[in-house]
Amino acid sequence: MDFEDDRQSDDEEADMDLKPMPDAGGIDVLREKLQAKIALLRRGGRPMDGEAGDKDDLLEERRRQRGAMRERRRKETKEKIRREEEMKAKKTKGKEKGHRDTGKVAKVSPSELYSPYI
C-alpha cells in the first residue's frame, strides 16, 4: 500500500511544471541593486519595486490609508448634512408660499349627509 502512495505522489510531482531559478547575474548585479536601494533610502524615497518595506513603512502606509478613509467619511458626512439642510429649506419654502397643511379627512357616509328630519 505504501508503494502505491509513493507512486501517486511521484505522478503528482511529474504533473507540476518545474521552473528553474532565475539567474541572479552574479555578484556585480546584486551589488548594483543593493547600492541603488541604499541610495534611494538615503534620499528619503520608498522602494518602487513593490517589495514590502520594514515594519515602520508598513505602519506608515496603513496610517495614510486610515487618514484617507477618515477624510472620505468626513466629506460624505458634510455632503449628507448639506443635502438634508437643502431638503428642509425646500419644505419650509413651500409652506411659506401659501400651501395649506391638509389634516385628516373625515370619512362620512352618504346616509350621514342627508337627514330625513330636515
Foldseek 3Di string as FASTA:
>chain_A
DVVVVVVVVVVVVVPDDDDDDDDCPDPVSVVVVVVVCVVCVVVVHDDDPPDDDDPVVVVVVVVVVVVVVVVVVVVVVVVVVVVVVVVVVVVVVVVVVPDDDDDDDDDDDPCRVDDPVD
